[in-house]
């Protein structure tokens, strides 16, 4: 492996979408469709220009919202409410397994997301796990930054009352966010297919095994 870690994990920062639940749920695609609709229906952007612009915005600004705000007078709360107006219950099933997993992880836990707290709260409430997270660090709390901007990780640490990223784990399904967290000093974990640079879990249910591995490496 191309990574080592020598500090016991005491705090975990979880991404939300496609991390706490399966990336195959369809939620991210539904939100993406709402983003495209906002651009065409609210901002009157030509449909052919939507996807190229979205790619450009993500590369240059981190999120579509920040890119749009560089060109238009976009109210962020209106945008966030619009794009997250999706039927979570149609795509997510609470079988109790995620609650069992999260409540048995002893480390401090925070949600660290480029979505807004309203959307995050709906997801956590659906799985009945909101009580296990100390705080939701969302796109509003981070402004004017978002993951993977270096300042976003500093803000997350500050909001958590932590002086150093030593002993902090960061988990995300977006590799650029994982790289950003790693550069900021977090023990960074990628959710997805195996990656040569970072510890990888295929889904959140492999997290206990990874945590156990870090304990064994420290003994």
C-alpha atoms as a PDB file:
ATOM      1  CA  UNK A   1       0.000   0.000   0.000  1.00  0.00           C
ATOM      2  CA  UNK A   2       1.131   3.565  -0.674  1.00  0.00           C
ATOM      3  CA  UNK A   3      -0.140   4.974   2.627  1.00  0.00           C
ATOM      4  CA  UNK A   4       0.663   4.739   6.315  1.00  0.00           C
ATOM      5  CA  UNK A   5      -1.018   6.083   9.434  1.00  0.00           C
ATOM      6  CA  UNK A   6       0.430   6.147  12.929  1.00  0.00           C
ATOM      7  CA  UNK A   7      -2.109   8.092  15.018  1.00  0.00           C
ATOM      8  CA  UNK A   8      -5.209   6.656  16.667  1.00  0.00           C
ATOM      9  CA  UNK A   9      -8.444   7.923  15.098  1.00  0.00           C
ATOM     10  CA  UNK A  10     -10.484  10.072  17.493  1.00  0.00           C
ATOM     11  CA  UNK A  11     -12.769  11.986  15.077  1.00  0.00           C
ATOM     12  CA  UNK A  12     -14.424  11.093  11.772  1.00  0.00           C
ATOM     13  CA  UNK A  13     -15.695  13.588   9.207  1.00  0.00           C
ATOM     14  CA  UNK A  14     -18.273  11.936   6.943  1.00  0.00           C
ATOM     15  CA  UNK A  15     -19.347  13.190   3.564  1.00  0.00           C
ATOM     16  CA  UNK A  16     -23.093  12.743   3.077  1.00  0.00           C
ATOM     17  CA  UNK A  17     -24.297  11.979  -0.448  1.00  0.00           C
ATOM     18  CA  UNK A  18     -23.064   8.719  -1.979  1.00  0.00           C
ATOM     19  CA  UNK A  19     -21.042   8.088   1.186  1.00  0.00           C
ATOM     20  CA  UNK A  20     -23.522   7.369   3.972  1.00  0.00           C
ATOM     21  CA  UNK A  21     -25.803   5.679   1.460  1.00  0.00           C
ATOM     22  CA  UNK A  22     -25.126   3.733  -1.738  1.00  0.00           C
ATOM     23  CA  UNK A  23     -23.927   5.673  -4.765  1.00  0.00           C
ATOM     24  CA  UNK A  24     -26.301   3.482  -6.744  1.00  0.00           C
ATOM     25  CA  UNK A  25     -29.392   4.896  -4.999  1.00  0.00           C
ATOM     26  CA  UNK A  26     -30.101   7.418  -7.770  1.00  0.00           C
ATOM     27  CA  UNK A  27     -30.210  10.420  -5.426  1.00  0.00           C
ATOM     28  CA  UNK A  28     -27.146  12.135  -6.845  1.00  0.00           C
ATOM     29  CA  UNK A  29     -28.533  11.702 -10.357  1.00  0.00           C
ATOM     30  CA  UNK A  30     -31.874  13.157  -9.223  1.00  0.00           C
ATOM     31  CA  UNK A  31     -30.111  16.156  -7.666  1.00  0.00           C
ATOM     32  CA  UNK A  32     -28.072  16.532 -10.846  1.00  0.00           C
ATOM     33  CA  UNK A  33     -31.261  16.658 -12.881  1.00  0.00           C
ATOM     34  CA  UNK A  34     -32.599  19.365 -10.583  1.00  0.00           C
ATOM     35  CA  UNK A  35     -29.376  21.347 -11.025  1.00  0.00           C
ATOM     36  CA  UNK A  36     -29.789  21.172 -14.792  1.00  0.00           C
ATOM     37  CA  UNK A  37     -33.446  22.212 -14.496  1.00  0.00           C
ATOM     38  CA  UNK A  38     -32.488  25.184 -12.353  1.00  0.00           C
ATOM     39  CA  UNK A  39     -30.018  26.290 -14.988  1.00  0.00           C
ATOM     40  CA  UNK A  40     -32.481  25.972 -17.883  1.00  0.00           C
ATOM     41  CA  UNK A  41     -35.777  26.898 -16.219  1.00  0.00           C
ATOM     42  CA  UNK A  42     -34.695  29.525 -13.697  1.00  0.00           C
ATOM     43  CA  UNK A  43     -31.601  31.015 -15.335  1.00  0.00           C
ATOM     44  CA  UNK A  44     -32.648  30.411 -18.993  1.00  0.00           C
ATOM     45  CA  UNK A  45     -29.335  28.798 -19.903  1.00  0.00           C
ATOM     46  CA  UNK A  46     -29.389  26.941 -23.208  1.00  0.00           C
ATOM     47  CA  UNK A  47     -29.791  23.213 -22.591  1.00  0.00           C
ATOM     48  CA  UNK A  48     -26.780  22.392 -24.762  1.00  0.00           C
ATOM     49  CA  UNK A  49     -24.579  24.547 -22.556  1.00  0.00           C
ATOM     50  CA  UNK A  50     -25.649  23.066 -19.231  1.00  0.00           C
ATOM     51  CA  UNK A  51     -23.369  20.038 -18.916  1.00  0.00           C
ATOM     52  CA  UNK A  52     -20.241  21.771 -20.274  1.00  0.00           C
ATOM     53  CA  UNK A  53     -20.842  24.596 -17.812  1.00  0.00           C
ATOM     54  CA  UNK A  54     -21.400  22.214 -14.915  1.00  0.00           C
ATOM     55  CA  UNK A  55     -18.111  20.439 -15.660  1.00  0.00           C
ATOM     56  CA  UNK A  56     -16.338  23.779 -15.934  1.00  0.00           C
ATOM     57  CA  UNK A  57     -17.842  25.022 -12.682  1.00  0.00           C
ATOM     58  CA  UNK A  58     -16.851  21.907 -10.746  1.00  0.00           C
ATOM     59  CA  UNK A  59     -13.280  22.070 -12.039  1.00  0.00           C
ATOM     60  CA  UNK A  60     -12.840  25.796 -11.413  1.00  0.00           C
ATOM     61  CA  UNK A  61     -15.041  26.490  -8.399  1.00  0.00           C
ATOM     62  CA  UNK A  62     -15.721  23.154  -6.655  1.00  0.00           C
ATOM     63  CA  UNK A  63     -19.515  23.324  -7.043  1.00  0.00           C
ATOM     64  CA  UNK A  64     -22.024  24.354  -9.683  1.00  0.00           C
ATOM     65  CA  UNK A  65     -23.510  26.884  -7.270  1.00  0.00           C
ATOM     66  CA  UNK A  66     -20.271  28.797  -6.873  1.00  0.00           C
ATOM     67  CA  UNK A  67     -19.769  28.805 -10.626  1.00  0.00           C
ATOM     68  CA  UNK A  68     -23.271  30.086 -11.247  1.00  0.00           C
ATOM     69  CA  UNK A  69     -22.789  32.818  -8.660  1.00  0.00           C
ATOM     70  CA  UNK A  70     -19.772  34.035 -10.594  1.00  0.00           C
ATOM     71  CA  UNK A  71     -22.051  34.741 -13.570  1.00  0.00           C
ATOM     72  CA  UNK A  72     -25.543  35.281 -12.159  1.00  0.00           C
ATOM     73  CA  UNK A  73     -27.267  36.806  -9.159  1.00  0.00           C
ATOM     74  CA  UNK A  74     -28.205  33.415  -7.694  1.00  0.00           C
ATOM     75  CA  UNK A  75     -29.789  33.229  -4.248  1.00  0.00           C
ATOM     76  CA  UNK A  76     -28.004  30.293  -2.634  1.00  0.00           C
ATOM     77  CA  UNK A  77     -30.898  29.303  -0.390  1.00  0.00           C
ATOM     78  CA  UNK A  78     -33.329  29.257  -3.338  1.00  0.00           C
ATOM     79  CA  UNK A  79     -30.855  27.203  -5.364  1.00  0.00           C
ATOM     80  CA  UNK A  80     -30.179  24.695  -2.572  1.00  0.00           C
ATOM     81  CA  UNK A  81     -33.882  24.211  -1.832  1.00  0.00           C
ATOM     82  CA  UNK A  82     -34.606  23.735  -5.537  1.00  0.00           C
ATOM     83  CA  UNK A  83     -31.882  21.216  -6.337  1.00  0.00           C
ATOM     84  CA  UNK A  84     -32.441  19.116  -3.201  1.00  0.00           C
ATOM     85  CA  UNK A  85     -36.184  18.843  -3.781  1.00  0.00           C
ATOM     86  CA  UNK A  86     -36.053  15.111  -4.466  1.00  0.00           C
ATOM     87  CA  UNK A  87     -38.061  12.201  -3.038  1.00  0.00           C
ATOM     88  CA  UNK A  88     -35.587  10.540  -0.679  1.00  0.00           C
ATOM     89  CA  UNK A  89     -38.081   7.926   0.468  1.00  0.00           C
ATOM     90  CA  UNK A  90     -38.468   6.665  -3.098  1.00  0.00           C
ATOM     91  CA  UNK A  91     -34.723   5.996  -3.340  1.00  0.00           C
ATOM     92  CA  UNK A  92     -33.561   5.156   0.168  1.00  0.00           C
ATOM     93  CA  UNK A  93     -34.607   2.260   2.377  1.00  0.00           C
ATOM     94  CA  UNK A  94     -34.008   2.305   6.105  1.00  0.00           C
ATOM     95  CA  UNK A  95     -33.377  -1.282   7.133  1.00  0.00           C
ATOM     96  CA  UNK A  96     -31.752  -0.281  10.417  1.00  0.00           C
ATOM     97  CA  UNK A  97     -28.270  -1.372   9.362  1.00  0.00           C
ATOM     98  CA  UNK A  98     -26.831   2.125   8.994  1.00  0.00           C
ATOM     99  CA  UNK A  99     -28.088   3.133  12.440  1.00  0.00           C
ATOM    100  CA  UNK A 100     -26.547   0.033  13.967  1.00  0.00           C
ATOM    101  CA  UNK A 101     -23.250   0.821  12.238  1.00  0.00           C
ATOM    102  CA  UNK A 102     -23.072   4.511  13.153  1.00  0.00           C
ATOM    103  CA  UNK A 103     -24.142   4.164  16.798  1.00  0.00           C
ATOM    104  CA  UNK A 104     -21.414   1.572  17.413  1.00  0.00           C
ATOM    105  CA  UNK A 105     -18.591   3.763  16.084  1.00  0.00           C
ATOM    106  CA  UNK A 106     -17.134   5.346  19.247  1.00  0.00           C
ATOM    107  CA  UNK A 107     -15.258   8.215  17.619  1.00  0.00           C
ATOM    108  CA  UNK A 108     -16.630  11.766  17.470  1.00  0.00           C
ATOM    109  CA  UNK A 109     -18.639  12.110  14.267  1.00  0.00           C
ATOM    110  CA  UNK A 110     -19.408  15.084  12.023  1.00  0.00           C
ATOM    111  CA  UNK A 111     -21.162  15.459   8.677  1.00  0.00           C
ATOM    112  CA  UNK A 112     -18.965  17.484   6.299  1.00  0.00           C
ATOM    113  CA  UNK A 113     -20.869  18.132   3.076  1.00  0.00           C
ATOM    114  CA  UNK A 114     -21.093  20.455   0.088  1.00  0.00           C
ATOM    115  CA  UNK A 115     -24.875  20.066   0.364  1.00  0.00           C
ATOM    116  CA  UNK A 116     -26.907  22.183   2.773  1.00  0.00           C
ATOM    117  CA  UNK A 117     -27.905  21.269   6.305  1.00  0.00           C
ATOM    118  CA  UNK A 118     -31.593  20.963   5.396  1.00  0.00           C
ATOM    119  CA  UNK A 119     -30.852  18.178   2.901  1.00  0.00           C
ATOM    120  CA  UNK A 120     -28.383  16.544   5.283  1.00  0.00           C
ATOM    121  CA  UNK A 121     -30.929  16.610   8.102  1.00  0.00           C
ATOM    122  CA  UNK A 122     -33.538  14.933   5.896  1.00  0.00           C
ATOM    123  CA  UNK A 123     -31.116  12.141   5.032  1.00  0.00           C
ATOM    124  CA  UNK A 124     -30.003  11.634   8.630  1.00  0.00           C
ATOM    125  CA  UNK A 125     -33.601  11.698   9.856  1.00  0.00           C
ATOM    126  CA  UNK A 126     -34.649   9.108   7.301  1.00  0.00           C
ATOM    127  CA  UNK A 127     -32.081   6.724   8.765  1.00  0.00           C
ATOM    128  CA  UNK A 128     -32.723   7.958  12.348  1.00  0.00           C
ATOM    129  CA  UNK A 129     -29.035   8.683  12.912  1.00  0.00           C
ATOM    130  CA  UNK A 130     -28.962  12.458  13.386  1.00  0.00           C
ATOM    131  CA  UNK A 131     -28.369  12.049  17.125  1.00  0.00           C
ATOM    132  CA  UNK A 132     -25.004  10.377  16.546  1.00  0.00           C
ATOM    133  CA  UNK A 133     -23.421  13.361  14.784  1.00  0.00           C
ATOM    134  CA  UNK A 134     -22.250  16.362  16.767  1.00  0.00           C
ATOM    135  CA  UNK A 135     -22.715  18.814  13.940  1.00  0.00           C
ATOM    136  CA  UNK A 136     -23.452  19.245  10.237  1.00  0.00           C
ATOM    137  CA  UNK A 137     -20.747  21.295   8.548  1.00  0.00           C
ATOM    138  CA  UNK A 138     -22.453  22.303   5.323  1.00  0.00           C
ATOM    139  CA  UNK A 139     -21.933  24.525   2.293  1.00  0.00           C
ATOM    140  CA  UNK A 140     -23.329  27.543   4.149  1.00  0.00           C
ATOM    141  CA  UNK A 141     -21.022  27.049   7.128  1.00  0.00           C
ATOM    142  CA  UNK A 142     -17.999  26.814   4.809  1.00  0.00           C
ATOM    143  CA  UNK A 143     -18.787  29.824   2.619  1.00  0.00           C
ATOM    144  CA  UNK A 144     -17.154  31.235   0.634  1.00  0.00           C
ATOM    145  CA  UNK A 145     -15.311  27.910   0.327  1.00  0.00           C
ATOM    146  CA  UNK A 146     -16.319  24.317  -0.446  1.00  0.00           C
ATOM    147  CA  UNK A 147     -14.534  20.995  -0.573  1.00  0.00           C
ATOM    148  CA  UNK A 148     -11.886  20.556  -1.934  1.00  0.00           C
ATOM    149  CA  UNK A 149     -10.708  24.138  -1.217  1.00  0.00           C
ATOM    150  CA  UNK A 150      -7.973  23.944   1.451  1.00  0.00           C
ATOM    151  CA  UNK A 151      -9.799  26.500   3.602  1.00  0.00           C
ATOM    152  CA  UNK A 152     -12.859  24.241   3.873  1.00  0.00           C
ATOM    153  CA  UNK A 153     -10.894  21.651   5.850  1.00  0.00           C
ATOM    154  CA  UNK A 154      -9.548  24.362   8.159  1.00  0.00           C
ATOM    155  CA  UNK A 155     -13.102  25.568   8.759  1.00  0.00           C
ATOM    156  CA  UNK A 156     -14.278  22.027   9.517  1.00  0.00           C
ATOM    157  CA  UNK A 157     -11.535  21.572  12.101  1.00  0.00           C
ATOM    158  CA  UNK A 158     -12.303  24.941  13.665  1.00  0.00           C
ATOM    159  CA  UNK A 159     -16.024  24.240  13.884  1.00  0.00           C
ATOM    160  CA  UNK A 160     -15.217  20.923  15.559  1.00  0.00           C
ATOM    161  CA  UNK A 161     -12.969  22.528  18.155  1.00  0.00           C
ATOM    162  CA  UNK A 162      -9.964  20.550  16.933  1.00  0.00           C
ATOM    163  CA  UNK A 163      -6.533  22.158  16.679  1.00  0.00           C
ATOM    164  CA  UNK A 164      -4.856  19.614  14.412  1.00  0.00           C
ATOM    165  CA  UNK A 165      -5.963  17.070  11.777  1.00  0.00           C
ATOM    166  CA  UNK A 166      -3.864  14.418  13.520  1.00  0.00           C
ATOM    167  CA  UNK A 167      -6.205  11.602  14.490  1.00  0.00           C
ATOM    168  CA  UNK A 168      -8.965  12.854  12.182  1.00  0.00           C
ATOM    169  CA  UNK A 169     -10.416  10.615   9.489  1.00  0.00           C
ATOM    170  CA  UNK A 170     -12.147  12.039   6.419  1.00  0.00           C
ATOM    171  CA  UNK A 171     -14.429   9.865   4.263  1.00  0.00           C
ATOM    172  CA  UNK A 172     -15.765  10.902   0.839  1.00  0.00           C
ATOM    173  CA  UNK A 173     -16.762   9.416  -2.515  1.00  0.00           C
ATOM    174  CA  UNK A 174     -15.226  12.301  -4.529  1.00  0.00           C
ATOM    175  CA  UNK A 175     -11.532  11.650  -5.096  1.00  0.00           C
ATOM    176  CA  UNK A 176     -10.712  15.366  -5.402  1.00  0.00           C
ATOM    177  CA  UNK A 177     -12.163  15.901  -1.920  1.00  0.00           C
ATOM    178  CA  UNK A 178     -10.175  12.971  -0.544  1.00  0.00           C
ATOM    179  CA  UNK A 179      -6.993  14.388  -2.051  1.00  0.00           C
ATOM    180  CA  UNK A 180      -7.746  17.804  -0.585  1.00  0.00           C
ATOM    181  CA  UNK A 181      -8.285  16.337   2.860  1.00  0.00           C
ATOM    182  CA  UNK A 182      -5.085  14.331   2.611  1.00  0.00           C
ATOM    183  CA  UNK A 183      -3.121  17.456   1.737  1.00  0.00           C
ATOM    184  CA  UNK A 184      -4.719  19.119   4.764  1.00  0.00           C
ATOM    185  CA  UNK A 185      -3.381  16.323   7.004  1.00  0.00           C
ATOM    186  CA  UNK A 186      -6.448  14.121   7.464  1.00  0.00           C
ATOM    187  CA  UNK A 187      -6.322  10.342   7.270  1.00  0.00           C
ATOM    188  CA  UNK A 188      -8.357  10.305   4.072  1.00  0.00           C
ATOM    189  CA  UNK A 189     -10.545   7.427   2.927  1.00  0.00           C
ATOM    190  CA  UNK A 190     -12.074   7.004  -0.507  1.00  0.00           C
ATOM    191  CA  UNK A 191     -15.489   5.371  -0.938  1.00  0.00           C
ATOM    192  CA  UNK A 192     -15.587   3.557  -4.263  1.00  0.00           C
ATOM    193  CA  UNK A 193     -13.393   1.274  -6.325  1.00  0.00           C
ATOM    194  CA  UNK A 194      -9.879   0.550  -5.072  1.00  0.00           C
ATOM    195  CA  UNK A 195      -7.544   3.519  -5.351  1.00  0.00           C
ATOM    196  CA  UNK A 196      -3.740   3.204  -5.271  1.00  0.00           C
ATOM    197  CA  UNK A 197      -3.138   6.370  -3.226  1.00  0.00           C
ATOM    198  CA  UNK A 198      -5.701   6.064  -0.444  1.00  0.00           C
ATOM    199  CA  UNK A 199      -7.345   3.540   1.853  1.00  0.00           C
ATOM    200  CA  UNK A 200     -10.566   2.539   0.095  1.00  0.00           C
ATOM    201  CA  UNK A 201     -13.868   1.099   1.218  1.00  0.00           C
ATOM    202  CA  UNK A 202     -16.477   0.033  -1.308  1.00  0.00           C
ATOM    203  CA  UNK A 203     -19.252   1.276   0.974  1.00  0.00           C
ATOM    204  CA  UNK A 204     -19.729   2.643   4.478  1.00  0.00           C
ATOM    205  CA  UNK A 205     -20.278  -0.843   5.899  1.00  0.00           C
ATOM    206  CA  UNK A 206     -16.583  -1.625   5.432  1.00  0.00           C
ATOM    207  CA  UNK A 207     -15.625   1.227   7.767  1.00  0.00           C
ATOM    208  CA  UNK A 208     -15.452  -0.863  10.994  1.00  0.00           C
ATOM    209  CA  UNK A 209     -12.903  -3.172   9.375  1.00  0.00           C
ATOM    210  CA  UNK A 210     -10.792  -0.199   8.322  1.00  0.00           C
ATOM    211  CA  UNK A 211     -10.973   1.306  11.808  1.00  0.00           C
ATOM    212  CA  UNK A 212      -9.917  -2.022  13.284  1.00  0.00           C
ATOM    213  CA  UNK A 213      -6.968  -2.088  10.873  1.00  0.00           C
ATOM    214  CA  UNK A 214      -5.798   1.345  12.028  1.00  0.00           C
ATOM    215  CA  UNK A 215      -5.934   0.112  15.633  1.00  0.00           C
ATOM    216  CA  UNK A 216      -3.840  -2.951  14.759  1.00  0.00           C
ATOM    217  CA  UNK A 217      -1.298  -0.748  12.924  1.00  0.00           C
ATOM    218  CA  UNK A 218      -0.892   1.353  16.062  1.00  0.00           C
ATOM    219  CA  UNK A 219      -0.277  -1.633  18.329  1.00  0.00           C
END
